[in-house]
Amino acid sequence: MAKEKILYQIVWGVLLVVMGIGVFFRIPQVMPRIEQIEYFSSVIWFVRFSFYLIGILLVVGGVQKIITYYRRLNE
């Protein structure tokens, strides 16, 4: 694989990690507004779980991509 493509993949992995961390910082700000919506008030635990799951998946996927392509860069 070309070094340029590997570097793009590493940058994409870093962006995924940053977006995942951003989700964690945004959840406490958004949840009170979502709790006010009557439709979501009964399943707020599921909404909160979903947001945290999205954040975890973004961070884990980004870290995995960084590690994978960093190893290929050093080969």
N, C-alpha and C. Protein backbone atom coordinates (compact mmCIF):
# COMPACT_ATOMS: atom_id res chain seq x y z
N MET A 1 0.83 -1.17 0.00
CA MET A 1 0.00 0.00 0.00
C MET A 1 0.88 1.24 0.00
N ALA A 2 0.47 2.26 -0.72
CA ALA A 2 1.26 3.48 -0.79
C ALA A 2 1.26 4.19 0.57
N LYS A 3 2.39 4.82 0.87
CA LYS A 3 2.51 5.52 2.15
C LYS A 3 1.47 6.61 2.30
N GLU A 4 1.14 7.24 1.18
CA GLU A 4 0.15 8.33 1.23
C GLU A 4 -1.21 7.80 1.68
N LYS A 5 -1.61 6.65 1.16
CA LYS A 5 -2.90 6.06 1.55
C LYS A 5 -2.88 5.62 3.01
N ILE A 6 -1.75 5.10 3.45
CA ILE A 6 -1.63 4.69 4.85
C ILE A 6 -1.74 5.90 5.76
N LEU A 7 -1.12 6.99 5.38
CA LEU A 7 -1.22 8.21 6.20
C LEU A 7 -2.65 8.73 6.24
N TYR A 8 -3.36 8.66 5.12
CA TYR A 8 -4.77 9.07 5.12
C TYR A 8 -5.60 8.20 6.06
N GLN A 9 -5.32 6.92 6.08
CA GLN A 9 -6.05 6.02 6.97
C GLN A 9 -5.74 6.31 8.43
N ILE A 10 -4.50 6.65 8.73
CA ILE A 10 -4.13 7.01 10.11
C ILE A 10 -4.84 8.29 10.51
N VAL A 11 -4.87 9.27 9.62
CA VAL A 11 -5.58 10.52 9.91
C VAL A 11 -7.06 10.25 10.12
N TRP A 12 -7.64 9.37 9.30
CA TRP A 12 -9.06 9.01 9.45
C TRP A 12 -9.29 8.34 10.81
N GLY A 13 -8.37 7.50 11.24
CA GLY A 13 -8.48 6.87 12.56
C GLY A 13 -8.43 7.89 13.68
N VAL A 14 -7.55 8.87 13.56
CA VAL A 14 -7.46 9.93 14.57
C VAL A 14 -8.76 10.71 14.61
N LEU A 15 -9.33 11.00 13.45
CA LEU A 15 -10.60 11.73 13.41
C LEU A 15 -11.73 10.92 14.05
N LEU A 16 -11.73 9.61 13.85
CA LEU A 16 -12.74 8.77 14.50
C LEU A 16 -12.62 8.82 16.01
N VAL A 17 -11.39 8.78 16.52
CA VAL A 17 -11.17 8.86 17.96
C VAL A 17 -11.64 10.21 18.50
N VAL A 18 -11.32 11.28 17.79
CA VAL A 18 -11.72 12.62 18.23
C VAL A 18 -13.25 12.74 18.23
N MET A 19 -13.90 12.20 17.20
CA MET A 19 -15.36 12.25 17.15
C MET A 19 -15.97 11.43 18.29
N GLY A 20 -15.38 10.28 18.60
CA GLY A 20 -15.87 9.47 19.71
C GLY A 20 -15.75 10.19 21.05
N ILE A 21 -14.63 10.85 21.26
CA ILE A 21 -14.44 11.62 22.49
C ILE A 21 -15.42 12.78 22.53
N GLY A 22 -15.66 13.40 21.37
CA GLY A 22 -16.64 14.48 21.29
C GLY A 22 -18.04 14.03 21.67
N VAL A 23 -18.39 12.80 21.31
CA VAL A 23 -19.70 12.27 21.68
C VAL A 23 -19.81 12.18 23.20
N PHE A 24 -18.74 11.74 23.86
CA PHE A 24 -18.78 11.64 25.32
C PHE A 24 -18.95 13.00 25.98
N PHE A 25 -18.36 14.04 25.43
CA PHE A 25 -18.50 15.37 25.99
C PHE A 25 -19.87 15.97 25.68
N ARG A 26 -20.48 15.56 24.60
CA ARG A 26 -21.75 16.14 24.17
C ARG A 26 -22.96 15.49 24.86
N ILE A 27 -22.84 14.24 25.28
CA ILE A 27 -23.97 13.52 25.87
C ILE A 27 -24.58 14.25 27.07
N PRO A 28 -23.79 14.70 28.05
CA PRO A 28 -24.42 15.38 29.20
C PRO A 28 -25.14 16.68 28.82
N GLN A 29 -24.74 17.31 27.74
CA GLN A 29 -25.39 18.54 27.32
C GLN A 29 -26.70 18.26 26.60
N VAL A 30 -26.78 17.16 25.89
CA VAL A 30 -27.94 16.86 25.06
C VAL A 30 -29.02 16.09 25.82
N MET A 31 -28.63 15.26 26.77
CA MET A 31 -29.60 14.39 27.44
C MET A 31 -30.73 15.15 28.12
N PRO A 32 -30.51 16.26 28.81
CA PRO A 32 -31.66 16.97 29.40
C PRO A 32 -32.68 17.43 28.35
N ARG A 33 -32.20 17.81 27.19
CA ARG A 33 -33.14 18.23 26.14
C ARG A 33 -33.90 17.04 25.58
N ILE A 34 -33.25 15.88 25.48
CA ILE A 34 -33.93 14.69 24.98
C ILE A 34 -34.94 14.19 26.01
N GLU A 35 -34.61 14.32 27.30
CA GLU A 35 -35.54 13.88 28.34
C GLU A 35 -36.84 14.67 28.31
N GLN A 36 -36.81 15.89 27.81
CA GLN A 36 -38.01 16.71 27.74
C GLN A 36 -38.97 16.24 26.65
N ILE A 37 -38.49 15.49 25.69
CA ILE A 37 -39.35 14.96 24.64
C ILE A 37 -40.14 13.80 25.24
N GLU A 38 -41.44 13.90 25.20
CA GLU A 38 -42.30 12.93 25.86
C GLU A 38 -42.14 11.52 25.30
N TYR A 39 -41.90 11.41 24.02
CA TYR A 39 -41.76 10.11 23.38
C TYR A 39 -40.56 9.33 23.92
N PHE A 40 -39.47 10.04 24.23
CA PHE A 40 -38.24 9.38 24.69
C PHE A 40 -38.15 9.26 26.20
N SER A 41 -39.06 9.87 26.94
CA SER A 41 -38.94 9.87 28.39
C SER A 41 -39.03 8.47 29.00
N SER A 42 -39.76 7.56 28.36
CA SER A 42 -39.90 6.23 28.92
C SER A 42 -38.72 5.31 28.57
N VAL A 43 -37.97 5.64 27.53
CA VAL A 43 -36.85 4.80 27.11
C VAL A 43 -35.53 5.57 27.15
N ILE A 44 -35.41 6.47 28.10
CA ILE A 44 -34.23 7.33 28.17
C ILE A 44 -32.97 6.50 28.43
N TRP A 45 -33.10 5.40 29.15
CA TRP A 45 -31.95 4.54 29.42
C TRP A 45 -31.41 3.96 28.11
N PHE A 46 -32.32 3.61 27.18
CA PHE A 46 -31.89 3.05 25.90
C PHE A 46 -31.21 4.11 25.04
N VAL A 47 -31.73 5.33 25.09
CA VAL A 47 -31.14 6.44 24.32
C VAL A 47 -29.74 6.73 24.85
N ARG A 48 -29.61 6.79 26.16
CA ARG A 48 -28.30 7.06 26.77
C ARG A 48 -27.32 5.94 26.43
N PHE A 49 -27.76 4.69 26.54
CA PHE A 49 -26.92 3.54 26.19
C PHE A 49 -26.48 3.62 24.73
N SER A 50 -27.39 3.99 23.86
CA SER A 50 -27.07 4.07 22.43
C SER A 50 -26.01 5.13 22.15
N PHE A 51 -26.15 6.28 22.78
CA PHE A 51 -25.15 7.34 22.59
C PHE A 51 -23.78 6.90 23.08
N TYR A 52 -23.74 6.29 24.26
CA TYR A 52 -22.45 5.83 24.78
C TYR A 52 -21.87 4.71 23.91
N LEU A 53 -22.72 3.83 23.39
CA LEU A 53 -22.25 2.77 22.51
C LEU A 53 -21.65 3.35 21.23
N ILE A 54 -22.28 4.37 20.68
CA ILE A 54 -21.74 5.03 19.48
C ILE A 54 -20.37 5.62 19.79
N GLY A 55 -20.25 6.29 20.93
CA GLY A 55 -18.96 6.86 21.31
C GLY A 55 -17.88 5.81 21.48
N ILE A 56 -18.23 4.72 22.13
CA ILE A 56 -17.26 3.64 22.35
C ILE A 56 -16.84 3.03 21.02
N LEU A 57 -17.81 2.78 20.13
CA LEU A 57 -17.48 2.18 18.84
C LEU A 57 -16.60 3.11 18.00
N LEU A 58 -16.84 4.40 18.06
CA LEU A 58 -16.00 5.34 17.32
C LEU A 58 -14.57 5.33 17.84
N VAL A 59 -14.42 5.35 19.15
CA VAL A 59 -13.07 5.37 19.74
C VAL A 59 -12.35 4.06 19.46
N VAL A 60 -13.01 2.94 19.69
CA VAL A 60 -12.37 1.63 19.49
C VAL A 60 -12.02 1.44 18.01
N GLY A 61 -12.94 1.78 17.12
CA GLY A 61 -12.66 1.65 15.69
C GLY A 61 -11.52 2.53 15.24
N GLY A 62 -11.47 3.75 15.76
CA GLY A 62 -10.37 4.65 15.41
C GLY A 62 -9.03 4.15 15.92
N VAL A 63 -9.01 3.68 17.15
CA VAL A 63 -7.76 3.15 17.71
C VAL A 63 -7.31 1.92 16.93
N GLN A 64 -8.25 1.07 16.58
CA GLN A 64 -7.90 -0.14 15.81
C GLN A 64 -7.33 0.25 14.45
N LYS A 65 -7.92 1.23 13.80
CA LYS A 65 -7.43 1.67 12.50
C LYS A 65 -6.04 2.29 12.62
N ILE A 66 -5.82 3.08 13.65
CA ILE A 66 -4.50 3.70 13.87
C ILE A 66 -3.44 2.63 14.07
N ILE A 67 -3.72 1.67 14.94
CA ILE A 67 -2.74 0.62 15.23
C ILE A 67 -2.44 -0.20 13.99
N THR A 68 -3.49 -0.60 13.26
CA THR A 68 -3.30 -1.43 12.07
C THR A 68 -2.44 -0.74 11.03
N TYR A 69 -2.78 0.51 10.71
CA TYR A 69 -2.05 1.19 9.65
C TYR A 69 -0.70 1.73 10.11
N TYR A 70 -0.54 1.96 11.42
CA TYR A 70 0.77 2.36 11.92
C TYR A 70 1.77 1.21 11.79
N ARG A 71 1.29 0.00 12.03
CA ARG A 71 2.15 -1.17 11.86
C ARG A 71 2.54 -1.35 10.39
N ARG A 72 1.59 -1.13 9.49
CA ARG A 72 1.92 -1.24 8.06
C ARG A 72 2.89 -0.15 7.61
N LEU A 73 2.79 1.01 8.24
CA LEU A 73 3.69 2.12 7.90
C LEU A 73 5.12 1.78 8.30
N ASN A 74 5.29 1.08 9.39
CA ASN A 74 6.64 0.75 9.87
C ASN A 74 7.25 -0.48 9.21
N GLU A 75 6.47 -1.19 8.43
CA GLU A 75 7.01 -2.39 7.77
C GLU A 75 7.91 -2.03 6.61
